[in-house]
Full PDB file with SEQRES, HELIX, SHEET, SSBOND, CRYST1, ORIGX, SCALE, CONECT and MASTER records, all heavy atoms in Angstrom:
SEQRES   1 A   40  VAL GLY ASP CYS ASP LEU ARG SER ALA ILE VAL GLU THR          
SEQRES   2 A   40  VAL VAL PRO ARG LEU HIS ILE ALA PRO SER ASN MET ASP          
SEQRES   3 A   40  LEU LEU GLY VAL GLU LEU GLU ILE ALA ASN GLU ARG ASP          
SEQRES   4 A   40  ARG                                                          
HELIX    1 AA1 LEU A    6  ALA A    9  1                                   4    
HELIX    2 AA2 MET A   25  GLY A   29  5                                   5    
HELIX    3 AA3 VAL A   30  ILE A   34  1                                   5    
CRYST1    1.000    1.000    1.000  90.00  90.00  90.00 P 1           1          
ORIGX1      1.000000  0.000000  0.000000        0.00000                         
ORIGX2      0.000000  1.000000  0.000000        0.00000                         
ORIGX3      0.000000  0.000000  1.000000        0.00000                         
SCALE1      1.000000  0.000000  0.000000        0.00000                         
SCALE2      0.000000  1.000000  0.000000        0.00000                         
SCALE3      0.000000  0.000000  1.000000        0.00000                         
ATOM      1  N   VAL A   1       2.281  46.807  52.809  1.00  0.00           N  
ATOM      2  CA  VAL A   1       1.860  46.677  54.216  1.00  0.00           C  
ATOM      3  C   VAL A   1       1.713  45.217  54.633  1.00  0.00           C  
ATOM      4  O   VAL A   1       1.396  44.924  55.786  1.00  0.00           O  
ATOM      5  CB  VAL A   1       0.546  47.455  54.510  1.00  0.00           C  
ATOM      6  CG1 VAL A   1       0.738  48.938  54.257  1.00  0.00           C  
ATOM      7  CG2 VAL A   1      -0.626  46.898  53.706  1.00  0.00           C  
ATOM      8  N   GLY A   2       1.942  44.291  53.677  1.00  0.00           N  
ATOM      9  CA  GLY A   2       1.934  42.867  54.017  1.00  0.00           C  
ATOM     10  C   GLY A   2       0.583  42.205  53.960  1.00  0.00           C  
ATOM     11  O   GLY A   2       0.401  41.103  54.492  1.00  0.00           O  
ATOM     12  N   ASP A   3      -0.405  42.839  53.316  1.00  0.00           N  
ATOM     13  CA  ASP A   3      -1.738  42.244  53.224  1.00  0.00           C  
ATOM     14  C   ASP A   3      -1.853  41.200  52.111  1.00  0.00           C  
ATOM     15  O   ASP A   3      -2.798  40.419  52.102  1.00  0.00           O  
ATOM     16  CB  ASP A   3      -2.797  43.338  52.988  1.00  0.00           C  
ATOM     17  CG  ASP A   3      -3.081  44.138  54.249  1.00  0.00           C  
ATOM     18  OD1 ASP A   3      -2.593  43.737  55.323  1.00  0.00           O  
ATOM     19  OD2 ASP A   3      -3.783  45.173  54.154  1.00  0.00           O  
ATOM     20  N   CYS A   4      -0.932  41.247  51.148  1.00  0.00           N  
ATOM     21  CA  CYS A   4      -0.933  40.213  50.103  1.00  0.00           C  
ATOM     22  C   CYS A   4       0.458  40.094  49.510  1.00  0.00           C  
ATOM     23  O   CYS A   4       1.307  40.968  49.716  1.00  0.00           O  
ATOM     24  CB  CYS A   4      -1.969  40.528  49.009  1.00  0.00           C  
ATOM     25  SG  CYS A   4      -1.461  41.788  47.815  1.00  0.00           S  
ATOM     26  N   ASP A   5       0.693  38.998  48.777  1.00  0.00           N  
ATOM     27  CA  ASP A   5       1.988  38.861  48.121  1.00  0.00           C  
ATOM     28  C   ASP A   5       1.949  39.584  46.765  1.00  0.00           C  
ATOM     29  O   ASP A   5       0.888  39.979  46.280  1.00  0.00           O  
ATOM     30  CB  ASP A   5       2.389  37.390  47.964  1.00  0.00           C  
ATOM     31  CG  ASP A   5       1.389  36.573  47.155  1.00  0.00           C  
ATOM     32  OD1 ASP A   5       0.500  37.174  46.505  1.00  0.00           O  
ATOM     33  OD2 ASP A   5       1.491  35.343  47.156  1.00  0.00           O  
ATOM     34  N   LEU A   6       3.126  39.758  46.181  1.00  0.00           N  
ATOM     35  CA  LEU A   6       3.225  40.510  44.929  1.00  0.00           C  
ATOM     36  C   LEU A   6       2.474  39.804  43.798  1.00  0.00           C  
ATOM     37  O   LEU A   6       1.831  40.455  42.973  1.00  0.00           O  
ATOM     38  CB  LEU A   6       4.704  40.703  44.564  1.00  0.00           C  
ATOM     39  CG  LEU A   6       5.037  41.540  43.327  1.00  0.00           C  
ATOM     40  CD1 LEU A   6       4.379  42.916  43.376  1.00  0.00           C  
ATOM     41  CD2 LEU A   6       6.560  41.693  43.180  1.00  0.00           C  
ATOM     42  N   ARG A   7       2.518  38.476  43.778  1.00  0.00           N  
ATOM     43  CA  ARG A   7       1.840  37.712  42.722  1.00  0.00           C  
ATOM     44  C   ARG A   7       0.350  38.026  42.684  1.00  0.00           C  
ATOM     45  O   ARG A   7      -0.255  38.116  41.614  1.00  0.00           O  
ATOM     46  CB  ARG A   7       2.056  36.198  42.945  1.00  0.00           C  
ATOM     47  CG  ARG A   7       1.424  35.319  41.874  1.00  0.00           C  
ATOM     48  CD  ARG A   7       2.166  35.467  40.570  1.00  0.00           C  
ATOM     49  NE  ARG A   7       1.549  34.753  39.452  1.00  0.00           N  
ATOM     50  CZ  ARG A   7       0.666  35.281  38.629  1.00  0.00           C  
ATOM     51  NH1 ARG A   7       0.234  36.529  38.820  1.00  0.00           N  
ATOM     52  NH2 ARG A   7       0.190  34.596  37.606  1.00  0.00           N  
ATOM     53  N   SER A   8      -0.248  38.229  43.851  1.00  0.00           N  
ATOM     54  CA  SER A   8      -1.694  38.476  43.925  1.00  0.00           C  
ATOM     55  C   SER A   8      -2.085  39.847  43.374  1.00  0.00           C  
ATOM     56  O   SER A   8      -3.239  40.063  43.005  1.00  0.00           O  
ATOM     57  CB  SER A   8      -2.170  38.379  45.381  1.00  0.00           C  
ATOM     58  OG  SER A   8      -1.862  37.120  45.917  1.00  0.00           O  
ATOM     59  N   ALA A   9      -1.122  40.767  43.328  1.00  0.00           N  
ATOM     60  CA  ALA A   9      -1.415  42.126  42.863  1.00  0.00           C  
ATOM     61  C   ALA A   9      -1.235  42.294  41.356  1.00  0.00           C  
ATOM     62  O   ALA A   9      -1.707  43.263  40.771  1.00  0.00           O  
ATOM     63  CB  ALA A   9      -0.527  43.132  43.603  1.00  0.00           C  
ATOM     64  N   ILE A  10      -0.551  41.334  40.733  1.00  0.00           N  
ATOM     65  CA  ILE A  10      -0.180  41.497  39.318  1.00  0.00           C  
ATOM     66  C   ILE A  10      -1.371  41.278  38.387  1.00  0.00           C  
ATOM     67  O   ILE A  10      -2.134  40.334  38.547  1.00  0.00           O  
ATOM     68  CB  ILE A  10       0.958  40.516  38.964  1.00  0.00           C  
ATOM     69  CG1 ILE A  10       2.229  40.898  39.722  1.00  0.00           C  
ATOM     70  CG2 ILE A  10       1.229  40.493  37.463  1.00  0.00           C  
ATOM     71  CD1 ILE A  10       3.337  39.866  39.635  1.00  0.00           C  
ATOM     72  N   VAL A  11      -1.502  42.193  37.404  1.00  0.00           N  
ATOM     73  CA  VAL A  11      -2.547  42.049  36.386  1.00  0.00           C  
ATOM     74  C   VAL A  11      -1.919  42.137  34.995  1.00  0.00           C  
ATOM     75  O   VAL A  11      -0.842  42.711  34.822  1.00  0.00           O  
ATOM     76  CB  VAL A  11      -3.652  43.126  36.530  1.00  0.00           C  
ATOM     77  CG1 VAL A  11      -4.425  42.928  37.814  1.00  0.00           C  
ATOM     78  CG2 VAL A  11      -3.070  44.527  36.462  1.00  0.00           C  
ATOM     79  N   GLU A  12      -2.605  41.568  34.018  1.00  0.00           N  
ATOM     80  CA  GLU A  12      -2.140  41.638  32.633  1.00  0.00           C  
ATOM     81  C   GLU A  12      -2.397  43.034  32.061  1.00  0.00           C  
ATOM     82  O   GLU A  12      -3.312  43.730  32.499  1.00  0.00           O  
ATOM     83  CB  GLU A  12      -2.878  40.607  31.771  1.00  0.00           C  
ATOM     84  CG  GLU A  12      -2.497  39.182  32.064  1.00  0.00           C  
ATOM     85  CD  GLU A  12      -3.190  38.201  31.115  1.00  0.00           C  
ATOM     86  OE1 GLU A  12      -3.953  38.672  30.246  1.00  0.00           O  
ATOM     87  OE2 GLU A  12      -2.954  36.994  31.264  1.00  0.00           O  
ATOM     88  N   THR A  13      -1.602  43.422  31.070  1.00  0.00           N  
ATOM     89  CA  THR A  13      -1.827  44.682  30.368  1.00  0.00           C  
ATOM     90  C   THR A  13      -2.226  44.379  28.921  1.00  0.00           C  
ATOM     91  O   THR A  13      -2.282  43.214  28.515  1.00  0.00           O  
ATOM     92  CB  THR A  13      -0.567  45.562  30.363  1.00  0.00           C  
ATOM     93  OG1 THR A  13       0.409  44.997  29.471  1.00  0.00           O  
ATOM     94  CG2 THR A  13       0.035  45.674  31.766  1.00  0.00           C  
ATOM     95  N   VAL A  14      -2.452  45.436  28.151  1.00  0.00           N  
ATOM     96  CA  VAL A  14      -2.788  45.249  26.729  1.00  0.00           C  
ATOM     97  C   VAL A  14      -1.591  44.755  25.930  1.00  0.00           C  
ATOM     98  O   VAL A  14      -1.739  44.332  24.784  1.00  0.00           O  
ATOM     99  CB  VAL A  14      -3.294  46.576  26.113  1.00  0.00           C  
ATOM    100  CG1 VAL A  14      -4.651  46.943  26.674  1.00  0.00           C  
ATOM    101  CG2 VAL A  14      -2.295  47.710  26.324  1.00  0.00           C  
ATOM    102  N   VAL A  15      -0.407  44.787  26.532  1.00  0.00           N  
ATOM    103  CA  VAL A  15       0.814  44.377  25.834  1.00  0.00           C  
ATOM    104  C   VAL A  15       1.162  42.935  26.211  1.00  0.00           C  
ATOM    105  O   VAL A  15       1.333  42.633  27.396  1.00  0.00           O  
ATOM    106  CB  VAL A  15       2.001  45.289  26.212  1.00  0.00           C  
ATOM    107  CG1 VAL A  15       3.268  44.886  25.458  1.00  0.00           C  
ATOM    108  CG2 VAL A  15       1.663  46.756  25.941  1.00  0.00           C  
ATOM    109  N   PRO A  16       1.266  42.032  25.245  1.00  0.00           N  
ATOM    110  CA  PRO A  16       1.674  40.658  25.561  1.00  0.00           C  
ATOM    111  C   PRO A  16       3.033  40.646  26.269  1.00  0.00           C  
ATOM    112  O   PRO A  16       3.919  41.432  25.931  1.00  0.00           O  
ATOM    113  CB  PRO A  16       1.775  39.996  24.175  1.00  0.00           C  
ATOM    114  CG  PRO A  16       0.912  40.824  23.285  1.00  0.00           C  
ATOM    115  CD  PRO A  16       1.010  42.225  23.799  1.00  0.00           C  
ATOM    116  N   ARG A  17       3.163  39.797  27.284  1.00  0.00           N  
ATOM    117  CA  ARG A  17       4.399  39.603  28.072  1.00  0.00           C  
ATOM    118  C   ARG A  17       4.706  40.772  29.024  1.00  0.00           C  
ATOM    119  O   ARG A  17       5.747  40.765  29.673  1.00  0.00           O  
ATOM    120  CB  ARG A  17       5.618  39.367  27.157  1.00  0.00           C  
ATOM    121  CG  ARG A  17       5.452  38.230  26.188  1.00  0.00           C  
ATOM    122  CD  ARG A  17       6.687  38.019  25.356  1.00  0.00           C  
ATOM    123  NE  ARG A  17       7.665  37.217  26.100  1.00  0.00           N  
ATOM    124  CZ  ARG A  17       8.077  36.008  25.724  1.00  0.00           C  
ATOM    125  NH1 ARG A  17       7.610  35.470  24.620  1.00  0.00           N  
ATOM    126  NH2 ARG A  17       8.958  35.346  26.429  1.00  0.00           N  
ATOM    127  N   LEU A  18       3.821  41.759  29.078  1.00  0.00           N  
ATOM    128  CA  LEU A  18       4.010  42.874  30.002  1.00  0.00           C  
ATOM    129  C   LEU A  18       2.900  42.865  31.044  1.00  0.00           C  
ATOM    130  O   LEU A  18       1.714  42.942  30.703  1.00  0.00           O  
ATOM    131  CB  LEU A  18       4.008  44.210  29.242  1.00  0.00           C  
ATOM    132  CG  LEU A  18       4.155  45.485  30.108  1.00  0.00           C  
ATOM    133  CD1 LEU A  18       5.514  45.515  30.808  1.00  0.00           C  
ATOM    134  CD2 LEU A  18       3.980  46.736  29.251  1.00  0.00           C  
ATOM    135  N   HIS A  19       3.287  42.768  32.316  1.00  0.00           N  
ATOM    136  CA  HIS A  19       2.344  42.791  33.429  1.00  0.00           C  
ATOM    137  C   HIS A  19       2.646  43.986  34.322  1.00  0.00           C  
ATOM    138  O   HIS A  19       3.715  44.579  34.235  1.00  0.00           O  
ATOM    139  CB  HIS A  19       2.446  41.497  34.246  1.00  0.00           C  
ATOM    140  CG  HIS A  19       1.975  40.273  33.524  1.00  0.00           C  
ATOM    141  ND1 HIS A  19       2.693  39.701  32.489  1.00  0.00           N  
ATOM    142  CD2 HIS A  19       0.849  39.511  33.682  1.00  0.00           C  
ATOM    143  CE1 HIS A  19       2.032  38.641  32.046  1.00  0.00           C  
ATOM    144  NE2 HIS A  19       0.917  38.498  32.754  1.00  0.00           N  
ATOM    145  N   ILE A  20       1.680  44.303  35.182  1.00  0.00           N  
ATOM    146  CA  ILE A  20       1.894  45.409  36.110  1.00  0.00           C  
ATOM    147  C   ILE A  20       1.298  45.086  37.475  1.00  0.00           C  
ATOM    148  O   ILE A  20       0.255  44.422  37.572  1.00  0.00           O  
ATOM    149  CB  ILE A  20       1.292  46.729  35.563  1.00  0.00           C  
ATOM    150  CG1 ILE A  20       1.680  47.920  36.453  1.00  0.00           C  
ATOM    151  CG2 ILE A  20      -0.223  46.637  35.394  1.00  0.00           C  
ATOM    152  CD1 ILE A  20       1.407  49.279  35.843  1.00  0.00           C  
ATOM    153  N   ALA A  21       1.996  45.511  38.523  1.00  0.00           N  
ATOM    154  CA  ALA A  21       1.419  45.543  39.865  1.00  0.00           C  
ATOM    155  C   ALA A  21       0.963  46.980  40.069  1.00  0.00           C  
ATOM    156  O   ALA A  21       1.793  47.883  40.230  1.00  0.00           O  
ATOM    157  CB  ALA A  21       2.457  45.143  40.915  1.00  0.00           C  
ATOM    158  N   PRO A  22      -0.339  47.243  39.991  1.00  0.00           N  
ATOM    159  CA  PRO A  22      -0.827  48.620  39.971  1.00  0.00           C  
ATOM    160  C   PRO A  22      -0.777  49.291  41.342  1.00  0.00           C  
ATOM    161  O   PRO A  22      -0.562  48.632  42.364  1.00  0.00           O  
ATOM    162  CB  PRO A  22      -2.276  48.461  39.497  1.00  0.00           C  
ATOM    163  CG  PRO A  22      -2.678  47.103  39.964  1.00  0.00           C  
ATOM    164  CD  PRO A  22      -1.436  46.257  39.907  1.00  0.00           C  
ATOM    165  N   SER A  23      -0.987  50.605  41.339  1.00  0.00           N  
ATOM    166  CA  SER A  23      -1.022  51.340  42.598  1.00  0.00           C  
ATOM    167  C   SER A  23      -2.246  52.242  42.621  1.00  0.00           C  
ATOM    168  O   SER A  23      -2.925  52.428  41.615  1.00  0.00           O  
ATOM    169  CB  SER A  23       0.245  52.171  42.777  1.00  0.00           C  
ATOM    170  OG  SER A  23       0.139  53.409  42.090  1.00  0.00           O  
ATOM    171  N   ASN A  24      -2.502  52.815  43.785  1.00  0.00           N  
ATOM    172  CA  ASN A  24      -3.517  53.867  43.909  1.00  0.00           C  
ATOM    173  C   ASN A  24      -3.121  54.787  45.064  1.00  0.00           C  
ATOM    174  O   ASN A  24      -2.034  54.647  45.638  1.00  0.00           O  
ATOM    175  CB  ASN A  24      -4.926  53.272  44.103  1.00  0.00           C  
ATOM    176  CG  ASN A  24      -5.016  52.377  45.323  1.00  0.00           C  
ATOM    177  OD1 ASN A  24      -4.220  52.484  46.253  1.00  0.00           O  
ATOM    178  ND2 ASN A  24      -5.992  51.479  45.331  1.00  0.00           N  
ATOM    179  N   MET A  25      -3.985  55.718  45.400  1.00  0.00           N  
ATOM    180  CA  MET A  25      -3.648  56.746  46.397  1.00  0.00           C  
ATOM    181  C   MET A  25      -3.413  56.179  47.795  1.00  0.00           C  
ATOM    182  O   MET A  25      -2.858  56.859  48.656  1.00  0.00           O  
ATOM    183  CB  MET A  25      -4.756  57.807  46.449  1.00  0.00           C  
ATOM    184  CG  MET A  25      -4.928  58.587  45.154  1.00  0.00           C  
ATOM    185  SD  MET A  25      -3.457  59.528  44.675  1.00  0.00           S  
ATOM    186  CE  MET A  25      -3.663  60.969  45.705  1.00  0.00           C  
ATOM    187  N   ASP A  26      -3.836  54.937  48.039  1.00  0.00           N  
ATOM    188  CA  ASP A  26      -3.582  54.320  49.350  1.00  0.00           C  
ATOM    189  C   ASP A  26      -2.091  54.330  49.696  1.00  0.00           C  
ATOM    190  O   ASP A  26      -1.710  54.366  50.875  1.00  0.00           O  
ATOM    191  CB  ASP A  26      -4.082  52.877  49.386  1.00  0.00           C  
ATOM    192  CG  ASP A  26      -5.603  52.785  49.345  1.00  0.00           C  
ATOM    193  OD1 ASP A  26      -6.268  53.823  49.539  1.00  0.00           O  
ATOM    194  OD2 ASP A  26      -6.118  51.676  49.105  1.00  0.00           O  
ATOM    195  N   LEU A  27      -1.251  54.271  48.652  1.00  0.00           N  
ATOM    196  CA  LEU A  27       0.212  54.242  48.867  1.00  0.00           C  
ATOM    197  C   LEU A  27       0.717  55.447  49.645  1.00  0.00           C  
ATOM    198  O   LEU A  27       1.781  55.391  50.254  1.00  0.00           O  
ATOM    199  CB  LEU A  27       0.931  54.203  47.508  1.00  0.00           C  
ATOM    200  CG  LEU A  27       1.472  52.877  46.984  1.00  0.00           C  
ATOM    201  CD1 LEU A  27       2.247  53.104  45.714  1.00  0.00           C  
ATOM    202  CD2 LEU A  27       2.346  52.156  48.008  1.00  0.00           C  
ATOM    203  N   LEU A  28      -0.043  56.541  49.615  1.00  0.00           N  
ATOM    204  CA  LEU A  28       0.369  57.742  50.352  1.00  0.00           C  
ATOM    205  C   LEU A  28       0.534  57.457  51.841  1.00  0.00           C  
ATOM    206  O   LEU A  28       1.323  58.114  52.526  1.00  0.00           O  
ATOM    207  CB  LEU A  28      -0.657  58.871  50.156  1.00  0.00           C  
ATOM    208  CG  LEU A  28      -0.656  59.562  48.793  1.00  0.00           C  
ATOM    209  CD1 LEU A  28      -1.888  60.459  48.651  1.00  0.00           C  
ATOM    210  CD2 LEU A  28       0.622  60.372  48.604  1.00  0.00           C  
ATOM    211  N   GLY A  29      -0.221  56.469  52.338  1.00  0.00           N  
ATOM    212  CA  GLY A  29      -0.181  56.185  53.768  1.00  0.00           C  
ATOM    213  C   GLY A  29       0.853  55.160  54.189  1.00  0.00           C  
ATOM    214  O   GLY A  29       1.036  54.917  55.394  1.00  0.00           O  
ATOM    215  N   VAL A  30       1.551  54.570  53.229  1.00  0.00           N  
ATOM    216  CA  VAL A  30       2.479  53.474  53.546  1.00  0.00           C  
ATOM    217  C   VAL A  30       3.569  53.906  54.504  1.00  0.00           C  
ATOM    218  O   VAL A  30       3.895  53.212  55.470  1.00  0.00           O  
ATOM    219  CB  VAL A  30       3.101  52.895  52.249  1.00  0.00           C  
ATOM    220  CG1 VAL A  30       4.395  52.145  52.555  1.00  0.00           C  
ATOM    221  CG2 VAL A  30       2.121  51.954  51.581  1.00  0.00           C  
ATOM    222  N   GLU A  31       4.137  55.074  54.246  1.00  0.00           N  
ATOM    223  CA  GLU A  31       5.280  55.515  55.046  1.00  0.00           C  
ATOM    224  C   GLU A  31       4.946  55.547  56.540  1.00  0.00           C  
ATOM    225  O   GLU A  31       5.718  55.069  57.372  1.00  0.00           O  
ATOM    226  CB  GLU A  31       5.732  56.897  54.563  1.00  0.00           C  
ATOM    227  CG  GLU A  31       7.167  57.189  54.912  1.00  0.00           C  
ATOM    228  CD  GLU A  31       7.865  58.036  53.847  1.00  0.00           C  
ATOM    229  OE1 GLU A  31       7.305  58.248  52.759  1.00  0.00           O  
ATOM    230  OE2 GLU A  31       8.980  58.451  54.140  1.00  0.00           O  
ATOM    231  N   LEU A  32       3.779  56.080  56.881  1.00  0.00           N  
ATOM    232  CA  LEU A  32       3.368  56.136  58.284  1.00  0.00           C  
ATOM    233  C   LEU A  32       3.093  54.743  58.837  1.00  0.00           C  
ATOM    234  O   LEU A  32       3.439  54.440  59.978  1.00  0.00           O  
ATOM    235  CB  LEU A  32       2.104  56.995  58.432  1.00  0.00           C  
ATOM    236  CG  LEU A  32       2.310  58.514  58.354  1.00  0.00           C  
ATOM    237  CD1 LEU A  32       0.963  59.224  58.356  1.00  0.00           C  
ATOM    238  CD2 LEU A  32       3.168  59.006  59.514  1.00  0.00           C  
ATOM    239  N   GLU A  33       2.507  53.887  58.012  1.00  0.00           N  
ATOM    240  CA  GLU A  33       2.107  52.564  58.492  1.00  0.00           C  
ATOM    241  C   GLU A  33       3.280  51.642  58.793  1.00  0.00           C  
ATOM    242  O   GLU A  33       3.204  50.804  59.687  1.00  0.00           O  
ATOM    243  CB  GLU A  33       1.164  51.898  57.490  1.00  0.00           C  
ATOM    244  CG  GLU A  33      -0.200  52.564  57.430  1.00  0.00           C  
ATOM    245  CD  GLU A  33      -1.219  51.712  56.705  1.00  0.00           C  
ATOM    246  OE1 GLU A  33      -1.292  50.505  56.978  1.00  0.00           O  
ATOM    247  OE2 GLU A  33      -1.934  52.275  55.860  1.00  0.00           O  
ATOM    248  N   ILE A  34       4.366  51.781  58.014  1.00  0.00           N  
ATOM    249  CA  ILE A  34       5.488  50.852  58.230  1.00  0.00           C  
ATOM    250  C   ILE A  34       6.727  51.547  58.824  1.00  0.00           C  
ATOM    251  O   ILE A  34       7.776  50.935  58.945  1.00  0.00           O  
ATOM    252  CB  ILE A  34       5.877  50.129  56.921  1.00  0.00           C  
ATOM    253  CG1 ILE A  34       6.445  51.103  55.876  1.00  0.00           C  
ATOM    254  CG2 ILE A  34       4.696  49.365  56.354  1.00  0.00           C  
ATOM    255  CD1 ILE A  34       7.003  50.405  54.636  1.00  0.00           C  
ATOM    256  N   ALA A  35       6.565  52.806  59.217  1.00  0.00           N  
ATOM    257  CA  ALA A  35       7.712  53.602  59.693  1.00  0.00           C  
ATOM    258  C   ALA A  35       8.455  52.944  60.855  1.00  0.00           C  
ATOM    259  O   ALA A  35       9.685  53.060  60.964  1.00  0.00           O  
ATOM    260  CB  ALA A  35       7.252  55.003  60.095  1.00  0.00           C  
ATOM    261  N   ASN A  36       7.738  52.242  61.726  1.00  0.00           N  
ATOM    262  CA  ASN A  36       8.371  51.661  62.916  1.00  0.00           C  
ATOM    263  C   ASN A  36       8.782  50.202  62.739  1.00  0.00           C  
ATOM    264  O   ASN A  36       9.275  49.571  63.673  1.00  0.00           O  
ATOM    265  CB  ASN A  36       7.419  51.781  64.116  1.00  0.00           C  
ATOM    266  CG  ASN A  36       7.162  53.236  64.479  1.00  0.00           C  
ATOM    267  OD1 ASN A  36       8.071  54.063  64.415  1.00  0.00           O  
ATOM    268  ND2 ASN A  36       5.920  53.556  64.824  1.00  0.00           N  
ATOM    269  N   GLU A  37       8.578  49.669  61.517  1.00  0.00           N  
ATOM    270  CA  GLU A  37       8.948  48.274  61.265  1.00  0.00           C  
ATOM    271  C   GLU A  37      10.434  48.161  60.938  1.00  0.00           C  
ATOM    272  O   GLU A  37      10.988  48.994  60.206  1.00  0.00           O  
ATOM    273  CB  GLU A  37       8.134  47.715  60.086  1.00  0.00           C  
ATOM    274  CG  GLU A  37       6.625  47.808  60.258  1.00  0.00           C  
ATOM    275  CD  GLU A  37       6.115  46.939  61.395  1.00  0.00           C  
ATOM    276  OE1 GLU A  37       6.758  45.904  61.683  1.00  0.00           O  
ATOM    277  OE2 GLU A  37       5.080  47.303  61.993  1.00  0.00           O  
ATOM    278  N   ARG A  38      11.069  47.152  61.464  1.00  0.00           N  
ATOM    279  CA  ARG A  38      12.520  47.011  61.258  1.00  0.00           C  
ATOM    280  C   ARG A  38      12.883  46.760  59.795  1.00  0.00           C  
ATOM    281  O   ARG A  38      13.957  47.140  59.338  1.00  0.00           O  
ATOM    282  CB  ARG A  38      13.065  45.868  62.132  1.00  0.00           C  
ATOM    283  CG  ARG A  38      12.998  46.189  63.624  1.00  0.00           C  
ATOM    284  CD  ARG A  38      13.665  45.129  64.449  1.00  0.00           C  
ATOM    285  NE  ARG A  38      15.103  45.049  64.186  1.00  0.00           N  
ATOM    286  CZ  ARG A  38      15.926  44.223  64.821  1.00  0.00           C  
ATOM    287  NH1 ARG A  38      15.455  43.414  65.752  1.00  0.00           N  
ATOM    288  NH2 ARG A  38      17.207  44.200  64.538  1.00  0.00           N  
ATOM    289  N   ASP A  39      11.986  46.110  59.056  1.00  0.00           N  
ATOM    290  CA  ASP A  39      12.276  45.788  57.660  1.00  0.00           C  
ATOM    291  C   ASP A  39      11.663  46.799  56.690  1.00  0.00           C  
ATOM    292  O   ASP A  39      11.460  46.501  55.515  1.00  0.00           O  
ATOM    293  CB  ASP A  39      11.768  44.379  57.323  1.00  0.00           C  
ATOM    294  CG  ASP A  39      10.239  44.301  57.350  1.00  0.00           C  
ATOM    295  OD1 ASP A  39       9.601  45.226  57.909  1.00  0.00           O  
ATOM    296  OD2 ASP A  39       9.687  43.324  56.806  1.00  0.00           O  
ATOM    297  N   ARG A  40      11.381  48.011  57.180  1.00  0.00           N  
ATOM    298  CA  ARG A  40      10.624  48.986  56.372  1.00  0.00           C  
ATOM    299  C   ARG A  40      11.296  49.321  55.037  1.00  0.00           C  
ATOM    300  O   ARG A  40      10.614  49.642  54.066  1.00  0.00           O  
ATOM    301  CB  ARG A  40      10.385  50.274  57.165  1.00  0.00           C  
ATOM    302  CG  ARG A  40      11.654  50.997  57.602  1.00  0.00           C  
ATOM    303  CD  ARG A  40      11.323  52.183  58.501  1.00  0.00           C  
ATOM    304  NE  ARG A  40      12.538  52.813  59.020  1.00  0.00           N  
ATOM    305  CZ  ARG A  40      13.172  52.425  60.116  1.00  0.00           C  
ATOM    306  NH1 ARG A  40      12.694  51.402  60.812  1.00  0.00           N  
ATOM    307  NH2 ARG A  40      14.267  53.033  60.521  1.00  0.00           N  
TER     308      ARG A  40                                                      
MASTER        0    0    0    3    0    0    0    6  307    1    0    4          
END                                                                             
């Protein structure tokens, strides 16, 4: 939704050299929120 860049979302995992940008149930609402954006 453009509230932060990807770097800000990334966290370390228990595995060296493996990182993750995590998700949660908020993602369910993304489609409605960006549906009218040209770059959706």
